Every structure is written in structure tokens, then in C-alpha cells.
Amino acid sequence: MSNIEFSKAKLSDIENMQKLVIPEVEAGLILARSSDEIATNIRSYILAKEDSKIVGFCALHIHTPSLAEIRSLVVKESKRGQKIGQNLVLKAIEEAQILGLQKVLSLTYRQHFFENLGFVEIPKESLPEHKIWADCIKCKHFPVCNEVSLIKTL
């Protein structure tokens, strides 16, 4: 992973971000986001690049002055197992700490990945109501969701 560089996303990255996430969206593992929605939230995204090509990204989406969410975590399939995803999450947590957030949330099918980073499972019913209606209602699995809710206290 020595040649992986992490940086904040730019508007010019959106097209390649969308291409990278297509298989995960089609598999129902990540919620589809329009290019306009990504543009509106571009400051939330952290990229992993290898030779100037995007090989992974995630977003730190702020819900309240004390709570943010790790969302849209994706790593190119051929690059998985190289700690790129772990480092993306750690960069997002670092940013959350700098911003003074107290907790970081994740809704995921990859429970053990997040538990290895210090997240603990919480009941979905404890999620902020605006989270459920703003995002979950757009998911093809709603209302029967198998994602696990996890949180990390900073």
C-alpha cells in the first residue's frame, strides 16, 4: 500500500467515483447517490488514489454537531485486503475528531470490519429519525434491512 495517497475529493473526481461504486450499488451494498448529491457533499469525501487513479473512497457525513456517519465506503475489488478501506475510515475518524464530533456511526453489511476499528453494534431504532427517512427510504432493501448499525465514541 506504499503508493496509495489519500486526499479530499474534488468535483472533477465525481465521474470516476461513480464508475468505481457502480458494482456495489448494483449489488445493493451501497446506496446510489446522484452526481449532484455527491457534488453538494464533495467536502465529505476522502479518496484513496494509486498512480492518480481512484481505488477507494468514503464520506464523513455530519448529522448533528456531535454525530457523523461513515458512508459510501468502497474499495476497488482488485485492491481489497490491502488496508485501503481501513485507512479511509481512520482518516474519516481523524477528521471527525478535528471537527469536535463525539460519535461516528456506520450502517453496514461488514460488521466485523468496523468492529475491528473499535465500533460497537447499536440497535437501529436508536438512529436519528432523519437518517432513516432521508437515506434508508431510498434503498432497494427498505423496509427489510439487514444492515447492522455500529457506533464509535471518539
C-alpha atoms as a PDB file:
ATOM      1  CA  MET A   1       0.000   0.000   0.000  1.00  0.00           C
ATOM      2  CA  SER A   2       3.036   2.247  -0.096  1.00  0.00           C
ATOM      3  CA  ASN A   3       1.920   4.049  -3.252  1.00  0.00           C
ATOM      4  CA  ILE A   4      -1.624   4.808  -2.056  1.00  0.00           C
ATOM      5  CA  GLU A   5      -2.277   8.501  -1.454  1.00  0.00           C
ATOM      6  CA  PHE A   6      -5.228   9.868   0.482  1.00  0.00           C
ATOM      7  CA  SER A   7      -6.813  13.227  -0.314  1.00  0.00           C
ATOM      8  CA  LYS A   8     -10.060  15.131  -0.248  1.00  0.00           C
ATOM      9  CA  ALA A   9     -12.247  14.696  -3.332  1.00  0.00           C
ATOM     10  CA  LYS A  10     -12.632  17.375  -5.973  1.00  0.00           C
ATOM     11  CA  LEU A  11     -15.582  17.973  -8.241  1.00  0.00           C
ATOM     12  CA  SER A  12     -13.513  16.657 -11.139  1.00  0.00           C
ATOM     13  CA  ASP A  13     -13.342  13.262  -9.334  1.00  0.00           C
ATOM     14  CA  ILE A  14     -17.100  12.627  -9.349  1.00  0.00           C
ATOM     15  CA  GLU A  15     -17.283  10.792 -12.669  1.00  0.00           C
ATOM     16  CA  ASN A  16     -14.586   8.297 -11.640  1.00  0.00           C
ATOM     17  CA  MET A  17     -16.107   7.916  -8.163  1.00  0.00           C
ATOM     18  CA  GLN A  18     -19.415   6.989  -9.781  1.00  0.00           C
ATOM     19  CA  LYS A  19     -17.714   4.415 -12.031  1.00  0.00           C
ATOM     20  CA  LEU A  20     -15.980   2.795  -9.053  1.00  0.00           C
ATOM     21  CA  VAL A  21     -19.152   2.457  -6.985  1.00  0.00           C
ATOM     22  CA  ILE A  22     -21.448   1.045  -9.722  1.00  0.00           C
ATOM     23  CA  PRO A  23     -20.910  -2.672  -8.882  1.00  0.00           C
ATOM     24  CA  GLU A  24     -21.594  -2.058  -5.174  1.00  0.00           C
ATOM     25  CA  VAL A  25     -24.745  -0.067  -5.939  1.00  0.00           C
ATOM     26  CA  GLU A  26     -25.974  -2.746  -8.355  1.00  0.00           C
ATOM     27  CA  ALA A  27     -25.335  -5.419  -5.696  1.00  0.00           C
ATOM     28  CA  GLY A  28     -27.381  -3.388  -3.200  1.00  0.00           C
ATOM     29  CA  LEU A  29     -24.413  -2.943  -0.863  1.00  0.00           C
ATOM     30  CA  ILE A  30     -24.147   0.842  -1.184  1.00  0.00           C
ATOM     31  CA  LEU A  31     -26.901   3.387  -1.636  1.00  0.00           C
ATOM     32  CA  ALA A  32     -26.841   5.106  -5.026  1.00  0.00           C
ATOM     33  CA  ARG A  33     -26.061   8.806  -4.899  1.00  0.00           C
ATOM     34  CA  SER A  34     -26.558  11.156  -7.814  1.00  0.00           C
ATOM     35  CA  SER A  35     -23.619  13.149  -9.111  1.00  0.00           C
ATOM     36  CA  ASP A  36     -25.442  16.279  -7.938  1.00  0.00           C
ATOM     37  CA  GLU A  37     -25.731  14.853  -4.413  1.00  0.00           C
ATOM     38  CA  ILE A  38     -22.029  13.960  -4.403  1.00  0.00           C
ATOM     39  CA  ALA A  39     -21.195  17.464  -5.655  1.00  0.00           C
ATOM     40  CA  THR A  40     -23.265  19.033  -2.886  1.00  0.00           C
ATOM     41  CA  ASN A  41     -21.371  16.960  -0.317  1.00  0.00           C
ATOM     42  CA  ILE A  42     -17.959  16.864  -2.039  1.00  0.00           C
ATOM     43  CA  ARG A  43     -16.180  18.163   1.071  1.00  0.00           C
ATOM     44  CA  SER A  44     -17.288  14.986   2.891  1.00  0.00           C
ATOM     45  CA  TYR A  45     -15.384  12.601   0.626  1.00  0.00           C
ATOM     46  CA  ILE A  46     -11.920  11.167   1.171  1.00  0.00           C
ATOM     47  CA  LEU A  47     -10.215   9.421  -1.741  1.00  0.00           C
ATOM     48  CA  ALA A  48      -7.588   6.708  -1.947  1.00  0.00           C
ATOM     49  CA  LYS A  49      -5.567   7.009  -5.163  1.00  0.00           C
ATOM     50  CA  GLU A  50      -2.905   4.844  -6.724  1.00  0.00           C
ATOM     51  CA  ASP A  51      -0.994   6.366  -9.624  1.00  0.00           C
ATOM     52  CA  SER A  52      -3.571   9.204  -9.690  1.00  0.00           C
ATOM     53  CA  LYS A  53      -6.437   6.703 -10.159  1.00  0.00           C
ATOM     54  CA  ILE A  54      -9.194   6.383  -7.556  1.00  0.00           C
ATOM     55  CA  VAL A  55      -9.091   2.948  -5.913  1.00  0.00           C
ATOM     56  CA  GLY A  56     -11.376   3.739  -2.984  1.00  0.00           C
ATOM     57  CA  PHE A  57     -13.328   6.392  -1.142  1.00  0.00           C
ATOM     58  CA  CYS A  58     -15.665   7.092   1.720  1.00  0.00           C
ATOM     59  CA  ALA A  59     -17.578  10.042   3.094  1.00  0.00           C
ATOM     60  CA  LEU A  60     -17.841  11.522   6.559  1.00  0.00           C
ATOM     61  CA  HIS A  61     -21.414  12.811   6.616  1.00  0.00           C
ATOM     62  CA  ILE A  62     -22.274  15.061   9.549  1.00  0.00           C
ATOM     63  CA  HIS A  63     -25.756  14.585  11.021  1.00  0.00           C
ATOM     64  CA  THR A  64     -25.566  16.734  14.166  1.00  0.00           C
ATOM     65  CA  PRO A  65     -22.894  18.763  16.000  1.00  0.00           C
ATOM     66  CA  SER A  66     -21.941  15.562  17.844  1.00  0.00           C
ATOM     67  CA  LEU A  67     -22.658  12.750  15.330  1.00  0.00           C
ATOM     68  CA  ALA A  68     -21.320  11.870  11.891  1.00  0.00           C
ATOM     69  CA  GLU A  69     -21.623   8.810   9.678  1.00  0.00           C
ATOM     70  CA  ILE A  70     -19.116   6.881   7.600  1.00  0.00           C
ATOM     71  CA  ARG A  71     -20.940   6.268   4.338  1.00  0.00           C
ATOM     72  CA  SER A  72     -20.288   5.118   0.779  1.00  0.00           C
ATOM     73  CA  LEU A  73     -17.136   3.192   1.718  1.00  0.00           C
ATOM     74  CA  VAL A  74     -15.867   1.410  -1.366  1.00  0.00           C
ATOM     75  CA  VAL A  75     -12.537  -0.080  -2.450  1.00  0.00           C
ATOM     76  CA  LYS A  76     -11.832  -1.351  -5.944  1.00  0.00           C
ATOM     77  CA  GLU A  77     -12.254  -5.126  -5.840  1.00  0.00           C
ATOM     78  CA  SER A  78      -8.700  -5.856  -7.032  1.00  0.00           C
ATOM     79  CA  LYS A  79      -7.306  -3.666  -4.231  1.00  0.00           C
ATOM     80  CA  ARG A  80      -9.226  -5.163  -1.310  1.00  0.00           C
ATOM     81  CA  GLY A  81      -7.275  -6.725   1.530  1.00  0.00           C
ATOM     82  CA  GLN A  82      -4.586  -4.028   1.414  1.00  0.00           C
ATOM     83  CA  LYS A  83      -5.962  -1.944   4.328  1.00  0.00           C
ATOM     84  CA  ILE A  84      -7.185   0.805   1.996  1.00  0.00           C
ATOM     85  CA  GLY A  85     -10.691   0.694   3.471  1.00  0.00           C
ATOM     86  CA  GLN A  86      -9.311   0.665   6.997  1.00  0.00           C
ATOM     87  CA  ASN A  87      -7.155   3.694   6.257  1.00  0.00           C
ATOM     88  CA  LEU A  88     -10.066   5.552   4.660  1.00  0.00           C
ATOM     89  CA  VAL A  89     -12.147   5.005   7.805  1.00  0.00           C
ATOM     90  CA  LEU A  90      -9.242   6.043  10.047  1.00  0.00           C
ATOM     91  CA  LYS A  91      -8.811   9.245   8.002  1.00  0.00           C
ATOM     92  CA  ALA A  92     -12.536   9.966   8.382  1.00  0.00           C
ATOM     93  CA  ILE A  93     -12.341   9.350  12.149  1.00  0.00           C
ATOM     94  CA  GLU A  94      -9.352  11.677  12.369  1.00  0.00           C
ATOM     95  CA  GLU A  95     -11.344  14.357  10.553  1.00  0.00           C
ATOM     96  CA  ALA A  96     -14.302  13.781  12.893  1.00  0.00           C
ATOM     97  CA  GLN A  97     -12.027  14.302  15.892  1.00  0.00           C
ATOM     98  CA  ILE A  98     -10.624  17.523  14.420  1.00  0.00           C
ATOM     99  CA  LEU A  99     -14.182  18.772  13.905  1.00  0.00           C
ATOM    100  CA  GLY A 100     -15.011  18.005  17.535  1.00  0.00           C
ATOM    101  CA  LEU A 101     -17.558  15.284  16.873  1.00  0.00           C
ATOM    102  CA  GLN A 102     -18.274  12.836  19.680  1.00  0.00           C
ATOM    103  CA  LYS A 103     -19.518   9.772  17.786  1.00  0.00           C
ATOM    104  CA  VAL A 104     -19.233   8.214  14.353  1.00  0.00           C
ATOM    105  CA  LEU A 105     -21.934   5.893  13.028  1.00  0.00           C
ATOM    106  CA  SER A 106     -21.903   3.241  10.320  1.00  0.00           C
ATOM    107  CA  LEU A 107     -24.688   1.231   8.706  1.00  0.00           C
ATOM    108  CA  THR A 108     -23.022  -1.750   7.092  1.00  0.00           C
ATOM    109  CA  TYR A 109     -23.112  -5.356   5.959  1.00  0.00           C
ATOM    110  CA  ARG A 110     -19.450  -5.609   7.032  1.00  0.00           C
ATOM    111  CA  GLN A 111     -19.906  -5.655  10.794  1.00  0.00           C
ATOM    112  CA  HIS A 112     -16.556  -7.260  11.677  1.00  0.00           C
ATOM    113  CA  PHE A 113     -14.620  -4.740   9.568  1.00  0.00           C
ATOM    114  CA  PHE A 114     -15.997  -1.880  11.667  1.00  0.00           C
ATOM    115  CA  GLU A 115     -15.761  -3.783  14.959  1.00  0.00           C
ATOM    116  CA  ASN A 116     -12.046  -4.255  14.281  1.00  0.00           C
ATOM    117  CA  LEU A 117     -11.820  -0.445  14.170  1.00  0.00           C
ATOM    118  CA  GLY A 118     -13.489  -0.008  17.551  1.00  0.00           C
ATOM    119  CA  PHE A 119     -17.136   0.347  16.512  1.00  0.00           C
ATOM    120  CA  VAL A 120     -19.819  -1.393  18.584  1.00  0.00           C
ATOM    121  CA  GLU A 121     -23.251  -2.565  17.480  1.00  0.00           C
ATOM    122  CA  ILE A 122     -26.267  -0.470  18.472  1.00  0.00           C
ATOM    123  CA  PRO A 123     -29.989  -1.003  17.838  1.00  0.00           C
ATOM    124  CA  LYS A 124     -31.163   0.548  14.557  1.00  0.00           C
ATOM    125  CA  GLU A 125     -34.035   2.074  16.495  1.00  0.00           C
ATOM    126  CA  SER A 126     -31.513   4.387  18.183  1.00  0.00           C
ATOM    127  CA  LEU A 127     -30.519   6.004  14.860  1.00  0.00           C
ATOM    128  CA  PRO A 128     -31.547   9.595  14.273  1.00  0.00           C
ATOM    129  CA  GLU A 129     -35.009   9.613  12.688  1.00  0.00           C
ATOM    130  CA  HIS A 130     -33.907  11.944   9.875  1.00  0.00           C
ATOM    131  CA  LYS A 131     -31.309   9.341   8.883  1.00  0.00           C
ATOM    132  CA  ILE A 132     -33.951   6.682   8.311  1.00  0.00           C
ATOM    133  CA  TRP A 133     -36.248   8.856   6.249  1.00  0.00           C
ATOM    134  CA  ALA A 134     -33.615  10.780   4.322  1.00  0.00           C
ATOM    135  CA  ASP A 135     -31.465   7.832   3.225  1.00  0.00           C
ATOM    136  CA  CYS A 136     -32.971   4.472   4.070  1.00  0.00           C
ATOM    137  CA  ILE A 137     -36.242   5.103   2.259  1.00  0.00           C
ATOM    138  CA  LYS A 138     -34.230   5.372  -1.000  1.00  0.00           C
ATOM    139  CA  CYS A 139     -32.712   1.915  -0.547  1.00  0.00           C
ATOM    140  CA  LYS A 140     -33.987  -1.053  -2.547  1.00  0.00           C
ATOM    141  CA  HIS A 141     -33.951  -3.126   0.675  1.00  0.00           C
ATOM    142  CA  PHE A 142     -36.210  -0.721   2.626  1.00  0.00           C
ATOM    143  CA  PRO A 143     -38.012  -1.531   4.890  1.00  0.00           C
ATOM    144  CA  VAL A 144     -36.488  -5.017   5.265  1.00  0.00           C
ATOM    145  CA  CYS A 145     -32.883  -4.137   6.036  1.00  0.00           C
ATOM    146  CA  ASN A 146     -30.109  -6.489   7.065  1.00  0.00           C
ATOM    147  CA  GLU A 147     -27.530  -3.784   7.667  1.00  0.00           C
ATOM    148  CA  VAL A 148     -26.014  -3.547  11.123  1.00  0.00           C
ATOM    149  CA  SER A 149     -25.780  -0.214  12.970  1.00  0.00           C
ATOM    150  CA  LEU A 150     -22.493   0.437  14.694  1.00  0.00           C
ATOM    151  CA  ILE A 151     -21.083   3.436  16.510  1.00  0.00           C
ATOM    152  CA  LYS A 152     -17.678   4.557  17.696  1.00  0.00           C
ATOM    153  CA  THR A 153     -17.288   7.019  20.539  1.00  0.00           C
ATOM    154  CA  LEU A 154     -14.390   9.378  19.944  1.00  0.00           C
END
